[in-house]
C-alpha atoms as a PDB file:
ATOM      1  CA  MET A   1     100.172 -31.320-190.765  1.00  0.00           C
ATOM      2  CA  ASP A   2     100.367 -34.737-192.416  1.00  0.00           C
ATOM      3  CA  ALA A   3      99.519 -37.611-190.060  1.00  0.00           C
ATOM      4  CA  THR A   4     102.915 -39.155-190.733  1.00  0.00           C
ATOM      5  CA  THR A   5     104.990 -35.991-190.264  1.00  0.00           C
ATOM      6  CA  VAL A   6     107.113 -36.003-187.124  1.00  0.00           C
ATOM      7  CA  TYR A   7     108.740 -32.842-185.831  1.00  0.00           C
ATOM      8  CA  ALA A   8     111.660 -33.079-183.414  1.00  0.00           C
ATOM      9  CA  ALA A   9     113.398 -30.496-181.290  1.00  0.00           C
ATOM     10  CA  GLY A  10     117.073 -29.695-181.329  1.00  0.00           C
ATOM     11  CA  LEU A  11     119.702 -28.955-183.913  1.00  0.00           C
ATOM     12  CA  ALA A  12     120.484 -32.614-184.529  1.00  0.00           C
ATOM     13  CA  SER A  13     117.036 -33.296-185.970  1.00  0.00           C
ATOM     14  CA  TYR A  14     115.650 -32.064-189.220  1.00  0.00           C
ATOM     15  CA  PRO A  15     113.763 -28.802-188.503  1.00  0.00           C
ATOM     16  CA  ALA A  16     111.175 -29.259-191.258  1.00  0.00           C
ATOM     17  CA  GLY A  17     110.213 -32.653-189.880  1.00  0.00           C
ATOM     18  CA  VAL A  18     110.452 -36.106-191.320  1.00  0.00           C
ATOM     19  CA  LEU A  19     107.913 -38.402-192.923  1.00  0.00           C
ATOM     20  CA  LEU A  20     107.598 -42.068-192.014  1.00  0.00           C
ATOM     21  CA  ARG A  21     107.780 -44.551-194.882  1.00  0.00           C
ATOM     22  CA  ALA A  22     106.683 -48.110-194.139  1.00  0.00           C
ATOM     23  CA  SER A  23     107.864 -51.095-196.148  1.00  0.00           C
ATOM     24  CA  VAL A  24     109.294 -54.559-195.518  1.00  0.00           C
ATOM     25  CA  TYR A  25     112.725 -56.113-195.783  1.00  0.00           C
ATOM     26  CA  SER A  26     112.810 -58.426-198.807  1.00  0.00           C
ATOM     27  CA  THR A  27     114.755 -61.167-197.017  1.00  0.00           C
ATOM     28  CA  ASN A  28     112.220 -61.900-194.267  1.00  0.00           C
ATOM     29  CA  LEU A  29     109.275 -59.505-194.799  1.00  0.00           C
ATOM     30  CA  ARG A  30     109.821 -57.778-191.469  1.00  0.00           C
ATOM     31  CA  ALA A  31     108.603 -54.229-191.002  1.00  0.00           C
ATOM     32  CA  ALA A  32     111.025 -51.564-192.220  1.00  0.00           C
ATOM     33  CA  ILE A  33     110.567 -47.884-191.376  1.00  0.00           C
ATOM     34  CA  SER A  34     112.582 -45.235-193.173  1.00  0.00           C
ATOM     35  CA  LEU A  35     112.478 -41.472-192.765  1.00  0.00           C
ATOM     36  CA  VAL A  36     112.459 -38.836-195.495  1.00  0.00           C
ATOM     37  CA  CYS A  37     112.692 -35.053-195.203  1.00  0.00           C
ATOM     38  CA  ALA A  38     109.231 -33.486-195.071  1.00  0.00           C
ATOM     39  CA  ASP A  39     110.075 -30.530-197.287  1.00  0.00           C
ATOM     40  CA  ASP A  40     111.918 -32.151-200.189  1.00  0.00           C
ATOM     41  CA  GLY A  41     111.389 -35.924-199.873  1.00  0.00           C
ATOM     42  CA  MET A  42     115.107 -36.657-199.673  1.00  0.00           C
ATOM     43  CA  PRO A  43     116.178 -39.663-197.584  1.00  0.00           C
ATOM     44  CA  TYR A  44     116.914 -38.777-193.951  1.00  0.00           C
ATOM     45  CA  GLY A  45     117.662 -42.142-192.363  1.00  0.00           C
ATOM     46  CA  ALA A  46     116.410 -45.557-191.367  1.00  0.00           C
ATOM     47  CA  LEU A  47     114.602 -46.084-188.092  1.00  0.00           C
ATOM     48  CA  THR A  48     114.836 -49.856-188.305  1.00  0.00           C
ATOM     49  CA  VAL A  49     117.550 -52.429-188.803  1.00  0.00           C
ATOM     50  CA  ASN A  50     117.095 -56.029-189.888  1.00  0.00           C
ATOM     51  CA  LEU A  51     118.821 -58.654-187.770  1.00  0.00           C
ATOM     52  CA  PRO A  52     117.168 -61.959-188.767  1.00  0.00           C
ATOM     53  CA  GLN A  53     118.304 -63.715-185.583  1.00  0.00           C
ATOM     54  CA  THR A  54     116.360 -61.239-183.400  1.00  0.00           C
ATOM     55  CA  GLU A  55     112.950 -62.513-182.314  1.00  0.00           C
ATOM     56  CA  LEU A  56     110.246 -60.029-183.266  1.00  0.00           C
ATOM     57  CA  ALA A  57     106.469 -60.202-183.487  1.00  0.00           C
ATOM     58  CA  ASP A  58     104.844 -59.035-186.732  1.00  0.00           C
ATOM     59  CA  ASP A  59     104.076 -55.655-185.151  1.00  0.00           C
ATOM     60  CA  GLU A  60     107.563 -55.100-183.711  1.00  0.00           C
ATOM     61  CA  ILE A  61     110.661 -53.393-185.094  1.00  0.00           C
ATOM     62  CA  LEU A  62     114.305 -53.316-184.089  1.00  0.00           C
ATOM     63  CA  VAL A  63     115.240 -49.647-183.806  1.00  0.00           C
ATOM     64  CA  ALA A  64     118.715 -48.560-184.846  1.00  0.00           C
ATOM     65  CA  ALA A  65     121.168 -47.593-182.115  1.00  0.00           C
ATOM     66  CA  ASP A  66     121.601 -43.896-181.244  1.00  0.00           C
ATOM     67  CA  TRP A  67     124.581 -43.493-183.572  1.00  0.00           C
ATOM     68  CA  ASN A  68     122.187 -43.810-186.513  1.00  0.00           C
ATOM     69  CA  LEU A  69     119.484 -41.289-185.532  1.00  0.00           C
ATOM     70  CA  PRO A  70     119.430 -38.429-183.023  1.00  0.00           C
ATOM     71  CA  ALA A  71     117.977 -39.401-179.639  1.00  0.00           C
ATOM     72  CA  ASP A  72     115.612 -36.403-179.726  1.00  0.00           C
ATOM     73  CA  LEU A  73     114.115 -37.643-182.978  1.00  0.00           C
ATOM     74  CA  LYS A  74     113.510 -41.063-181.447  1.00  0.00           C
ATOM     75  CA  GLY A  75     111.832 -39.321-178.524  1.00  0.00           C
ATOM     76  CA  ALA A  76     109.624 -37.374-180.920  1.00  0.00           C
ATOM     77  CA  LEU A  77     108.673 -40.593-182.712  1.00  0.00           C
ATOM     78  CA  LEU A  78     107.666 -42.205-179.418  1.00  0.00           C
ATOM     79  CA  ALA A  79     105.706 -39.077-178.437  1.00  0.00           C
ATOM     80  CA  THR A  80     103.471 -39.511-181.502  1.00  0.00           C
ATOM     81  CA  GLY A  81     101.984 -42.667-179.981  1.00  0.00           C
ATOM     82  CA  LYS A  82     102.709 -44.556-183.198  1.00  0.00           C
ATOM     83  CA  PHE A  83     105.324 -46.654-181.384  1.00  0.00           C
ATOM     84  CA  VAL A  84     105.625 -48.132-177.902  1.00  0.00           C
ATOM     85  CA  GLN A  85     108.819 -49.246-176.199  1.00  0.00           C
ATOM     86  CA  THR A  86     108.710 -52.929-175.214  1.00  0.00           C
ATOM     87  CA  GLY A  87     111.577 -52.754-172.728  1.00  0.00           C
ATOM     88  CA  ARG A  88     113.500 -55.289-174.816  1.00  0.00           C
ATOM     89  CA  TRP A  89     116.687 -54.599-176.759  1.00  0.00           C
ATOM     90  CA  ASN A  90     119.289 -56.335-178.878  1.00  0.00           C
ATOM     91  CA  GLN A  91     122.986 -55.752-179.432  1.00  0.00           C
ATOM     92  CA  ILE A  92     123.679 -54.007-182.755  1.00  0.00           C
ATOM     93  CA  GLY A  93     127.388 -53.747-183.373  1.00  0.00           C
ATOM     94  CA  HIS A  94     128.737 -51.632-180.506  1.00  0.00           C
ATOM     95  CA  GLY A  95     125.330 -50.180-179.637  1.00  0.00           C
ATOM     96  CA  ARG A  96     121.988 -51.352-178.342  1.00  0.00           C
ATOM     97  CA  GLY A  97     118.906 -51.353-180.502  1.00  0.00           C
ATOM     98  CA  GLU A  98     115.540 -51.123-178.777  1.00  0.00           C
ATOM     99  CA  ILE A  99     112.579 -53.236-179.794  1.00  0.00           C
ATOM    100  CA  TRP A 100     109.465 -51.137-180.306  1.00  0.00           C
ATOM    101  CA  ARG A 101     105.898 -52.196-181.008  1.00  0.00           C
ATOM    102  CA  ILE A 102     104.075 -50.404-183.814  1.00  0.00           C
ATOM    103  CA  ALA A 103     100.856 -49.037-182.289  1.00  0.00           C
ATOM    104  CA  ASP A 104      99.535 -47.125-185.309  1.00  0.00           C
ATOM    105  CA  ALA A 105      96.820 -48.859-187.345  1.00  0.00           C
ATOM    106  CA  GLU A 106      97.719 -46.955-190.527  1.00  0.00           C
ATOM    107  CA  LEU A 107     101.391 -47.982-190.363  1.00  0.00           C
ATOM    108  CA  LEU A 108     100.409 -51.591-189.615  1.00  0.00           C
ATOM    109  CA  SER A 109      98.069 -51.553-192.610  1.00  0.00           C
ATOM    110  CA  GLN A 110     100.815 -50.214-194.888  1.00  0.00           C
ATOM    111  CA  ILE A 111     103.197 -52.918-193.673  1.00  0.00           C
ATOM    112  CA  ALA A 112     100.586 -55.652-194.170  1.00  0.00           C
ATOM    113  CA  ALA A 113     100.011 -54.439-197.738  1.00  0.00           C
ATOM    114  CA  ALA A 114     103.764 -54.346-198.394  1.00  0.00           C
ATOM    115  CA  ARG A 115     104.061 -57.940-197.125  1.00  0.00           C
ATOM    116  CA  ILE A 116     101.371 -59.086-199.542  1.00  0.00           C
ATOM    117  CA  VAL A 117     103.009 -57.357-202.494  1.00  0.00           C
ATOM    118  CA  ALA A 118     106.480 -58.623-201.550  1.00  0.00           C
ATOM    119  CA  SER A 119     105.309 -62.195-201.027  1.00  0.00           C
ATOM    120  CA  ARG A 120     103.648 -62.217-204.450  1.00  0.00           C
ATOM    121  CA  GLY A 121     106.866 -61.012-206.027  1.00  0.00           C
ATOM    122  CA  ASN A 122     108.900 -63.779-204.407  1.00  0.00           C
ATOM    123  CA  SER A 123     106.779 -66.626-205.716  1.00  0.00           C
ATOM    124  CA  LYS A 124     108.804 -69.138-207.635  1.00  0.00           C
ATOM    125  CA  ARG A 125     107.421 -69.852-211.057  1.00  0.00           C
ATOM    126  CA  ARG A 126     108.533 -72.744-213.140  1.00  0.00           C
ATOM    127  CA  THR A 127     108.181 -72.859-216.864  1.00  0.00           C
ATOM    128  CA  ALA A 128     106.483 -75.855-218.368  1.00  0.00           C
ATOM    129  CA  VAL A 129     108.753 -78.132-220.341  1.00  0.00           C
ATOM    130  CA  ALA A 130     107.295 -79.729-223.426  1.00  0.00           C
ATOM    131  CA  ALA A 131     107.846 -83.480-223.517  1.00  0.00           C
END
């Protein structure tokens, strides 16, 4: 089993499991976690949402409300130990999004690398003008 494969119980979740994909949002370089199907790599859903006005530490994510992902899948993600509930939440539309802390060193490393790459890509370059 791949270290990033998460299996969840119940019909609502994907029986073959999902893989975690770490990246960052381009607008503010916050951690972004998406899920893809373990067997065919097709997109499954997004664990995170980006609300810039929400206060988050670098190792925290705002988890989408239950309408976006099955509750049993969220439970399976927490059971991996890769994430820890902080007890904080934020209003997301008509639902509540929980704030989780990322506790997995590998995921944190992937996010740190994505931040470096994204910040290099956003540098503003100016062309020299000949006088």
